[in-house]
Amino acid sequence: MKALDLVRDAAARIGGDTPRLDAEVIVAHAFGVTRDVLLLDNPLIDRPEAAAELISRRVAGEPVAYITGRQEFWSLDLCVTPDVLIPRADTETLIAEALRLFQAQAPQRILDLGTGSGALILAALSEWRQADGIATDVSPAALAVAGQNAERLGLADRCGLVVADWADGIAGPFDLVLSNPPYIATGEPLGPGVAEFEPHGALFAGDDGLQAYRRILPALPRLLAAGGQAVVEIGWQQAAAVQALAEASGLASRVVHDLAGRERAIGLHRM
């Protein structure tokens, strides 16, 4: 059986928004080839049943990243497991904004609150080779994934990992603070496979989705160095509410938009 015939059959079973892409990624992973090789060479598959379990998992709604154990973020190849949120391309907005803020002088000390897979801290450290970072997460299992990624990317010596509830026990100052906290209101509907497979602690934040911001923002004045900056991801309708919390915490704020023009993050600094 030719590989692309298997891809065609798998895509017909998978359905959804990106069935062909999903099928290509899964089949390539199952047989240990790159997607480019799959598409360009269309190799002969001797044992198509070797991909059957993986395809069935996708048919059942499991995200492709958990099936392959990989997700790209800021051109970094990250390991992911069901212990961590799958990094989204929209979250790259935070790194792009941080690069804009620190064009003139690179940050020397970086903090990532609620790191999950380590996507934000590792992307930042890959950009600023002289910087050191600390990443916190309340989940030891999540920090284990972040540590694995740090080791694979050669960044472990510059990335400290701390089991902590947000910034509890963390001493500043930091030039840059990043965070992609949970911001979905309990009971809010999500896309297929999200609530069923991704960790609820990384998704939901109380009845109004603001619970994490009530913990993070009041800690920023003591964490930020003079001239320090924070960039925190938000839900698309949360800008006004998060900015009000920022003002109450003594922080000046501004809205950061993603490439699609949506409100994606809040930039913060001490007044």
Protein backbone atom coordinates (compact mmCIF):
# COMPACT_ATOMS: atom_id res chain seq x y z
CA MET A 1 0.00 0.00 0.00
CA LYS A 2 1.30 3.44 -0.90
CA ALA A 3 1.61 5.94 1.95
CA LEU A 4 -0.66 8.52 0.36
CA ASP A 5 -3.39 5.93 -0.13
CA LEU A 6 -3.26 5.35 3.62
CA VAL A 7 -3.36 9.12 4.16
CA ARG A 8 -6.43 9.40 1.95
CA ASP A 9 -8.26 6.66 3.81
CA ALA A 10 -7.27 8.08 7.20
CA ALA A 11 -8.40 11.61 6.26
CA ALA A 12 -11.81 10.27 5.26
CA ARG A 13 -12.17 8.74 8.73
CA ILE A 14 -10.78 11.69 10.67
CA GLY A 15 -13.00 14.46 9.28
CA GLY A 16 -13.08 17.85 10.98
CA ASP A 17 -11.34 21.04 9.85
CA THR A 18 -7.92 19.68 8.79
CA PRO A 19 -8.36 15.97 8.06
CA ARG A 20 -5.73 15.73 5.32
CA LEU A 21 -3.06 17.56 7.32
CA ASP A 22 -3.83 15.51 10.43
CA ALA A 23 -3.59 12.28 8.45
CA GLU A 24 -0.28 13.27 6.84
CA VAL A 25 1.31 14.15 10.19
CA ILE A 26 0.09 10.98 11.90
CA VAL A 27 1.09 8.62 9.08
CA ALA A 28 4.52 10.24 8.78
CA HIS A 29 5.00 9.87 12.54
CA ALA A 30 3.83 6.25 12.54
CA PHE A 31 6.45 5.24 9.98
CA GLY A 32 9.30 7.46 11.18
CA VAL A 33 9.57 9.71 8.13
CA THR A 34 9.18 13.45 7.71
CA ARG A 35 6.03 14.84 6.18
CA ASP A 36 8.10 16.09 3.22
CA VAL A 37 9.34 12.58 2.50
CA LEU A 38 5.82 11.25 2.81
CA LEU A 39 4.48 13.74 0.28
CA LEU A 40 7.38 13.75 -2.16
CA ASP A 41 8.37 10.07 -2.16
CA ASN A 42 5.03 8.43 -1.36
CA PRO A 43 6.84 5.35 0.03
CA LEU A 44 5.41 1.86 0.00
CA ILE A 45 3.93 0.88 3.37
CA ASP A 46 4.35 -2.81 4.19
CA ARG A 47 2.36 -2.75 7.44
CA PRO A 48 -0.38 -0.10 7.23
CA GLU A 49 -1.91 -1.53 10.40
CA ALA A 50 1.00 0.03 12.33
CA ALA A 51 -0.77 3.40 12.01
CA ALA A 52 -4.23 2.07 12.84
CA GLU A 53 -4.17 2.83 16.58
CA LEU A 54 -2.87 6.36 16.05
CA ILE A 55 -5.51 7.08 13.43
CA SER A 56 -8.22 5.71 15.71
CA ARG A 57 -7.06 8.03 18.49
CA ARG A 58 -7.47 11.02 16.17
CA VAL A 59 -10.88 9.78 15.03
CA ALA A 60 -11.84 9.75 18.74
CA GLY A 61 -10.89 13.42 18.98
CA GLU A 62 -7.45 13.27 20.60
CA PRO A 63 -5.27 16.21 19.47
CA VAL A 64 -2.55 15.39 16.95
CA ALA A 65 0.14 16.87 19.24
CA TYR A 66 -0.62 14.33 21.96
CA ILE A 67 -0.62 11.49 19.43
CA THR A 68 2.80 12.42 18.03
CA GLY A 69 4.15 13.85 21.30
CA ARG A 70 5.43 16.91 19.45
CA GLN A 71 4.38 20.51 18.81
CA GLU A 72 6.29 23.34 17.15
CA PHE A 73 6.42 26.72 18.90
CA TRP A 74 8.55 29.66 17.76
CA SER A 75 10.42 27.20 15.49
CA LEU A 76 11.28 25.03 18.51
CA ASP A 77 10.37 21.33 18.41
CA LEU A 78 8.74 20.73 21.79
CA CYS A 79 7.71 17.50 23.48
CA VAL A 80 4.14 17.60 24.77
CA THR A 81 2.09 15.21 26.87
CA PRO A 82 -1.44 15.37 28.31
CA ASP A 83 0.17 16.90 31.42
CA VAL A 84 0.63 20.20 29.56
CA LEU A 85 -1.43 22.52 27.41
CA ILE A 86 -0.60 22.25 23.71
CA PRO A 87 1.27 25.45 22.74
CA ARG A 88 -0.67 27.54 20.22
CA ALA A 89 0.72 29.73 17.47
CA ASP A 90 -1.29 32.68 18.84
CA THR A 91 0.81 32.57 22.03
CA GLU A 92 3.86 33.45 19.91
CA THR A 93 2.40 36.98 20.06
CA LEU A 94 3.93 37.26 23.56
CA ILE A 95 7.43 36.51 22.28
CA ALA A 96 7.02 38.90 19.36
CA GLU A 97 5.92 41.66 21.74
CA ALA A 98 8.83 40.95 24.10
CA LEU A 99 11.26 41.25 21.19
CA ARG A 100 9.71 44.59 20.27
CA LEU A 101 10.03 45.84 23.86
CA PHE A 102 13.67 44.82 24.24
CA GLN A 103 15.09 45.93 20.89
CA ALA A 104 17.59 48.28 22.48
CA GLN A 105 18.73 46.20 25.44
CA ALA A 106 18.24 42.49 25.99
CA PRO A 107 16.65 41.25 29.22
CA GLN A 108 19.08 39.52 31.54
CA ARG A 109 16.61 37.73 33.84
CA ILE A 110 13.31 36.25 32.63
CA LEU A 111 10.42 34.65 34.54
CA ASP A 112 7.68 32.44 33.08
CA LEU A 113 4.69 31.89 35.37
CA GLY A 114 2.75 28.66 34.73
CA THR A 115 5.20 27.39 32.14
CA GLY A 116 3.55 24.09 31.14
CA SER A 117 5.68 22.68 28.32
CA GLY A 118 8.21 25.50 28.74
CA ALA A 119 7.23 27.07 25.42
CA LEU A 120 7.50 30.71 26.47
CA ILE A 121 10.64 30.58 28.61
CA LEU A 122 12.49 28.41 26.10
CA ALA A 123 11.49 30.61 23.16
CA ALA A 124 12.71 33.66 25.08
CA LEU A 125 16.01 32.03 26.06
CA SER A 126 16.54 30.94 22.46
CA GLU A 127 16.32 34.59 21.42
CA TRP A 128 18.43 36.10 24.22
CA ARG A 129 21.49 33.89 24.56
CA GLN A 130 22.94 35.82 27.50
CA ALA A 131 19.75 35.68 29.59
CA ASP A 132 18.87 33.34 32.43
CA GLY A 133 15.34 32.28 33.27
CA ILE A 134 13.11 30.76 35.89
CA ALA A 135 9.91 28.90 35.05
CA THR A 136 7.25 27.97 37.60
CA ASP A 137 4.36 25.57 37.51
CA VAL A 138 2.18 24.09 40.23
CA SER A 139 2.33 20.72 38.43
CA PRO A 140 5.50 18.64 38.88
CA ALA A 141 4.44 16.57 35.86
CA ALA A 142 4.30 19.70 33.70
CA LEU A 143 7.71 20.83 34.94
CA ALA A 144 9.10 17.42 34.00
CA VAL A 145 7.99 18.06 30.40
CA ALA A 146 9.49 21.55 30.49
CA GLY A 147 12.74 20.11 31.84
CA GLN A 148 12.85 17.53 29.07
CA ASN A 149 12.39 20.26 26.48
CA ALA A 150 15.07 22.43 28.08
CA GLU A 151 17.53 19.53 27.95
CA ARG A 152 16.72 18.66 24.34
CA LEU A 153 17.17 22.28 23.24
CA GLY A 154 20.42 22.78 25.13
CA LEU A 155 18.91 25.43 27.41
CA ALA A 156 18.74 23.57 30.72
CA ASP A 157 21.77 25.35 32.19
CA ARG A 158 20.00 28.71 31.83
CA CYS A 159 16.49 27.65 32.85
CA GLY A 160 15.63 27.02 36.48
CA LEU A 161 12.41 25.09 37.10
CA VAL A 162 10.46 25.67 40.31
CA VAL A 163 7.32 23.96 41.59
CA ALA A 164 5.29 26.97 42.72
CA ASP A 165 1.75 28.31 42.74
CA TRP A 166 2.36 31.16 40.32
CA ALA A 167 4.96 33.45 41.95
CA ASP A 168 4.76 32.14 45.52
CA GLY A 169 8.27 32.05 46.93
CA ILE A 170 9.85 33.58 43.82
CA ALA A 171 12.20 36.52 44.39
CA GLY A 172 12.74 39.21 41.79
CA PRO A 173 13.74 41.34 40.18
CA PHE A 174 13.15 40.22 36.58
CA ASP A 175 13.54 42.27 33.44
CA LEU A 176 10.82 40.29 31.64
CA VAL A 177 7.88 38.31 33.00
CA LEU A 178 5.82 36.12 30.66
CA SER A 179 2.69 34.11 31.36
CA ASN A 180 -0.01 32.26 29.50
CA PRO A 181 -2.36 31.50 32.40
CA PRO A 182 -5.72 29.74 32.25
CA TYR A 183 -8.40 32.27 31.31
CA ILE A 184 -11.48 30.30 30.30
CA ALA A 185 -14.57 30.62 32.47
CA THR A 186 -15.79 27.39 34.03
CA GLY A 187 -18.43 25.85 31.78
CA GLU A 188 -17.51 27.92 28.73
CA PRO A 189 -17.77 25.81 25.54
CA LEU A 190 -14.52 24.91 23.81
CA GLY A 191 -13.50 23.42 20.50
CA PRO A 192 -13.51 19.66 19.90
CA GLY A 193 -10.93 17.72 21.89
CA VAL A 194 -9.83 20.59 24.12
CA ALA A 195 -11.73 20.04 27.37
CA GLU A 196 -11.75 16.28 26.77
CA PHE A 197 -7.96 15.91 26.50
CA GLU A 198 -6.07 19.01 27.69
CA PRO A 199 -5.40 19.64 31.41
CA HIS A 200 -8.27 21.57 33.01
CA GLY A 201 -5.89 23.37 35.37
CA ALA A 202 -4.29 25.03 32.35
CA LEU A 203 -7.64 25.96 30.80
CA PHE A 204 -10.20 27.06 33.37
CA ALA A 205 -9.94 29.99 35.78
CA GLY A 206 -13.11 30.29 37.82
CA ASP A 207 -16.58 31.53 36.98
CA ASP A 208 -15.33 34.63 35.15
CA GLY A 209 -12.01 33.33 33.80
CA LEU A 210 -10.04 35.93 35.79
CA GLN A 211 -8.90 33.87 38.77
CA ALA A 212 -5.28 33.54 37.61
CA TYR A 213 -4.93 37.27 36.90
CA ARG A 214 -5.98 38.03 40.47
CA ARG A 215 -2.94 36.06 41.61
CA ILE A 216 -0.41 37.11 38.99
CA LEU A 217 -0.95 40.86 38.63
CA PRO A 218 -0.60 41.86 42.31
CA ALA A 219 2.75 40.01 42.40
CA LEU A 220 4.23 41.88 39.42
CA PRO A 221 5.25 45.12 41.18
CA ARG A 222 7.63 43.19 43.44
CA LEU A 223 8.83 40.91 40.63
CA LEU A 224 9.62 43.51 37.98
CA ALA A 225 12.96 45.29 37.90
CA ALA A 226 13.09 49.01 37.30
CA GLY A 227 12.10 49.35 33.65
CA GLY A 228 10.94 45.73 33.62
CA GLN A 229 8.11 44.54 31.41
CA ALA A 230 5.49 41.78 31.65
CA VAL A 231 3.45 40.29 28.81
CA VAL A 232 0.47 38.15 29.83
CA GLU A 233 -1.92 36.34 27.49
CA ILE A 234 -5.65 37.07 27.80
CA GLY A 235 -8.93 35.84 26.38
CA TRP A 236 -10.30 37.84 23.46
CA GLN A 237 -12.97 39.61 25.54
CA GLN A 238 -10.96 40.14 28.72
CA ALA A 239 -8.83 43.20 28.00
CA ALA A 240 -10.91 45.72 29.94
CA ALA A 241 -11.31 43.47 32.98
CA VAL A 242 -7.61 42.58 33.11
CA GLN A 243 -6.60 46.22 32.67
CA ALA A 244 -8.82 47.16 35.62
CA LEU A 245 -7.07 44.52 37.74
CA ALA A 246 -3.72 45.86 36.56
CA GLU A 247 -4.56 49.43 37.57
CA ALA A 248 -5.66 48.22 41.01
CA SER A 249 -2.26 46.52 41.34
CA GLY A 250 -0.33 49.70 40.47
CA LEU A 251 0.48 48.66 36.93
CA ALA A 252 0.25 50.55 33.66
CA SER A 253 -1.09 48.39 30.85
CA ARG A 254 -1.63 48.25 27.11
CA VAL A 255 -3.40 45.79 24.83
CA VAL A 256 -1.33 43.66 22.46
CA HIS A 257 -3.00 42.30 19.31
CA ASP A 258 -2.15 39.12 17.44
CA LEU A 259 -1.62 38.84 13.68
CA ALA A 260 -5.37 38.50 13.14
CA GLY A 261 -5.99 41.77 15.00
CA ARG A 262 -7.51 40.10 18.07
CA GLU A 263 -6.76 41.24 21.61
CA ARG A 264 -4.27 38.55 22.63
CA ALA A 265 -2.16 39.86 25.51
CA ILE A 266 -1.67 42.66 28.00
CA GLY A 267 1.68 44.42 28.33
CA LEU A 268 2.38 45.62 31.87
CA HIS A 269 4.92 47.71 33.76
CA ARG A 270 5.11 49.47 37.08
CA MET A 271 3.59 52.95 37.20
